[in-house]
Protein backbone atom coordinates (compact mmCIF):
# COMPACT_ATOMS: atom_id res chain seq x y z
CA UNK A 1 4.19 9.05 -7.47
CA UNK A 2 0.79 10.40 -6.62
CA UNK A 3 0.79 10.23 -2.86
CA UNK A 4 1.90 12.59 -0.13
CA UNK A 5 2.51 12.21 3.56
CA UNK A 6 0.32 14.32 5.82
CA UNK A 7 1.75 15.84 9.01
CA UNK A 8 -0.15 16.66 12.19
CA UNK A 9 -2.94 14.14 11.68
CA UNK A 10 -1.87 11.78 14.41
CA UNK A 11 0.85 11.89 17.04
CA UNK A 12 2.42 8.42 16.74
CA UNK A 13 1.31 7.14 13.35
CA UNK A 14 1.94 8.00 9.70
CA UNK A 15 -0.80 9.36 7.43
CA UNK A 16 -0.84 9.66 3.65
CA UNK A 17 -3.22 10.67 0.93
CA UNK A 18 -3.15 9.20 -2.57
CA UNK A 19 -4.95 10.46 -5.67
CA UNK A 20 -5.18 8.96 -9.12
CA UNK A 21 -7.65 8.90 -12.00
CA UNK A 22 -7.19 5.13 -12.28
CA UNK A 23 -8.33 2.88 -9.40
CA UNK A 24 -5.63 0.28 -10.13
CA UNK A 25 -2.94 2.93 -9.97
CA UNK A 26 -4.42 4.33 -6.74
CA UNK A 27 -3.86 0.94 -5.11
CA UNK A 28 -0.32 0.82 -6.54
CA UNK A 29 0.35 4.29 -5.11
CA UNK A 30 -0.96 3.22 -1.69
CA UNK A 31 1.33 0.18 -1.76
CA UNK A 32 4.29 2.42 -2.61
CA UNK A 33 3.41 4.90 0.13
CA UNK A 34 3.19 2.08 2.66
CA UNK A 35 6.68 0.81 1.82
CA UNK A 36 8.07 4.34 1.44
CA UNK A 37 7.13 4.73 5.12
CA UNK A 38 9.38 1.79 5.98
CA UNK A 39 12.32 1.84 3.57
CA UNK A 40 14.16 3.85 0.93
CA UNK A 41 12.42 2.55 -2.20
CA UNK A 42 15.32 3.52 -4.45
CA UNK A 43 17.49 0.84 -2.84
CA UNK A 44 14.97 -1.98 -3.28
CA UNK A 45 15.64 -4.27 -6.25
CA UNK A 46 12.94 -6.18 -8.10
CA UNK A 47 14.31 -9.68 -7.53
CA UNK A 48 11.15 -11.40 -6.30
CA UNK A 49 7.64 -11.40 -7.73
CA UNK A 50 4.80 -12.10 -5.36
CA UNK A 51 1.23 -12.64 -6.58
CA UNK A 52 -1.55 -11.38 -4.35
CA UNK A 53 -5.22 -12.23 -4.84
CA UNK A 54 -7.89 -10.73 -2.60
CA UNK A 55 -11.59 -10.03 -2.65
CA UNK A 56 -13.91 -7.84 -0.63
CA UNK A 57 -17.45 -6.55 -0.47
CA UNK A 58 -16.45 -2.92 -1.14
CA UNK A 59 -13.48 -0.91 -2.37
CA UNK A 60 -12.46 0.41 1.08
CA UNK A 61 -12.34 -3.09 2.49
CA UNK A 62 -10.30 -4.21 -0.52
CA UNK A 63 -7.68 -1.47 -0.04
CA UNK A 64 -7.48 -2.21 3.68
CA UNK A 65 -6.97 -5.94 3.00
CA UNK A 66 -4.36 -5.13 0.34
CA UNK A 67 -2.27 -2.95 2.65
CA UNK A 68 -2.67 -5.45 5.47
CA UNK A 69 -1.45 -8.27 3.20
CA UNK A 70 1.60 -6.25 2.12
CA UNK A 71 2.52 -5.63 5.75
CA UNK A 72 1.95 -9.32 6.53
CA UNK A 73 4.40 -10.29 3.75
CA UNK A 74 6.94 -7.85 5.19
CA UNK A 75 6.55 -9.38 8.65
CA UNK A 76 6.26 -13.07 7.70
CA UNK A 77 8.70 -13.28 4.76
CA UNK A 78 10.86 -10.15 5.29
CA UNK A 79 9.80 -8.88 1.85
CA UNK A 80 9.80 -5.24 0.79
CA UNK A 81 8.30 -4.05 -2.49
CA UNK A 82 8.96 -1.11 -4.80
CA UNK A 83 6.71 -1.91 -7.76
CA UNK A 84 3.12 -3.07 -8.06
CA UNK A 85 0.87 -4.04 -10.95
CA UNK A 86 -2.72 -4.08 -9.73
CA UNK A 87 -5.86 -5.18 -11.59
CA UNK A 88 -9.23 -4.73 -9.88
CA UNK A 89 -12.42 -6.27 -11.21
CA UNK A 90 -15.92 -5.66 -9.98
CA UNK A 91 -18.60 -8.29 -10.32
CA UNK A 92 -20.81 -8.95 -7.31
CA UNK A 93 -17.70 -8.37 -5.20
CA UNK A 94 -14.42 -6.57 -5.78
CA UNK A 95 -11.47 -8.77 -6.79
CA UNK A 96 -7.82 -7.72 -6.75
CA UNK A 97 -4.96 -9.37 -8.59
CA UNK A 98 -1.54 -7.89 -7.94
CA UNK A 99 2.02 -8.72 -8.83
CA UNK A 100 4.36 -7.09 -6.32
CA UNK A 101 8.07 -6.81 -7.13
CA UNK A 102 10.76 -6.49 -4.50
CA UNK A 103 13.22 -8.44 -2.44
CA UNK A 104 14.06 -9.63 1.05
CA UNK A 105 15.04 -6.80 3.33
CA UNK A 106 18.80 -6.44 3.83
CA UNK A 107 19.62 -4.12 6.74
CA UNK A 108 23.18 -3.65 5.44
CA UNK A 109 22.01 -2.30 2.08
CA UNK A 110 18.54 -0.91 2.68
CA UNK A 111 17.90 2.33 4.52
CA UNK A 112 15.12 1.41 6.90
CA UNK A 113 12.79 4.03 8.38
CA UNK A 114 9.94 3.02 10.70
CA UNK A 115 8.23 -0.34 11.08
CA UNK A 116 4.58 -0.31 10.03
CA UNK A 117 2.43 -2.65 12.10
CA UNK A 118 -0.90 -2.29 10.27
CA UNK A 119 -3.26 0.04 8.45
CA UNK A 120 -5.87 1.55 10.74
CA UNK A 121 -9.55 2.24 10.18
CA UNK A 122 -9.17 5.67 11.80
CA UNK A 123 -10.20 8.19 9.09
CA UNK A 124 -9.65 5.47 6.44
CA UNK A 125 -11.39 6.47 3.23
CA UNK A 126 -11.52 5.63 -0.47
CA UNK A 127 -13.74 7.72 -2.68
CA UNK A 128 -14.38 8.69 -6.25
CA UNK A 129 -15.09 12.32 -7.12
CA UNK A 130 -15.13 13.94 -10.55
CA UNK A 131 -13.68 10.86 -12.30
CA UNK A 132 -10.74 10.71 -9.88
CA UNK A 133 -10.03 8.35 -6.98
CA UNK A 134 -8.55 9.30 -3.63
CA UNK A 135 -7.57 7.41 -0.49
CA UNK A 136 -6.69 8.59 2.99
CA UNK A 137 -4.74 6.11 5.12
CA UNK A 138 -3.21 6.14 8.58
CA UNK A 139 -0.58 3.49 9.26
CA UNK A 140 0.12 2.24 12.79
CA UNK A 141 3.87 2.42 13.41
């Protein structure tokens, strides 16, 4: 796990920072941090595989769309995920292929935390420095 939650950034939302040398793994870490905000990941079983395909003009937009899609799947299909395999390709645009593993939320078995509504653009950032990637994300809860 290469993400950490950041206190005192915002009063009502949840912020996290992720760092990884590999861009694919950075996205995986951001997906994990998003679901770690909502549920105890240790109690989620990998029963369902969901394929996600997205594209965007830039890497920040791609991460934002990715997190937004994960939250959409939680809201529309009651799915929670604890494992991601991301592959990003750059041609004229950025393309993401992801296989997310998880299951339908079960309130009797899962320890739920807070409900994430969406990622926000407030202070949202993805950057590469010294051969390492980092992301800063605030989630609206």
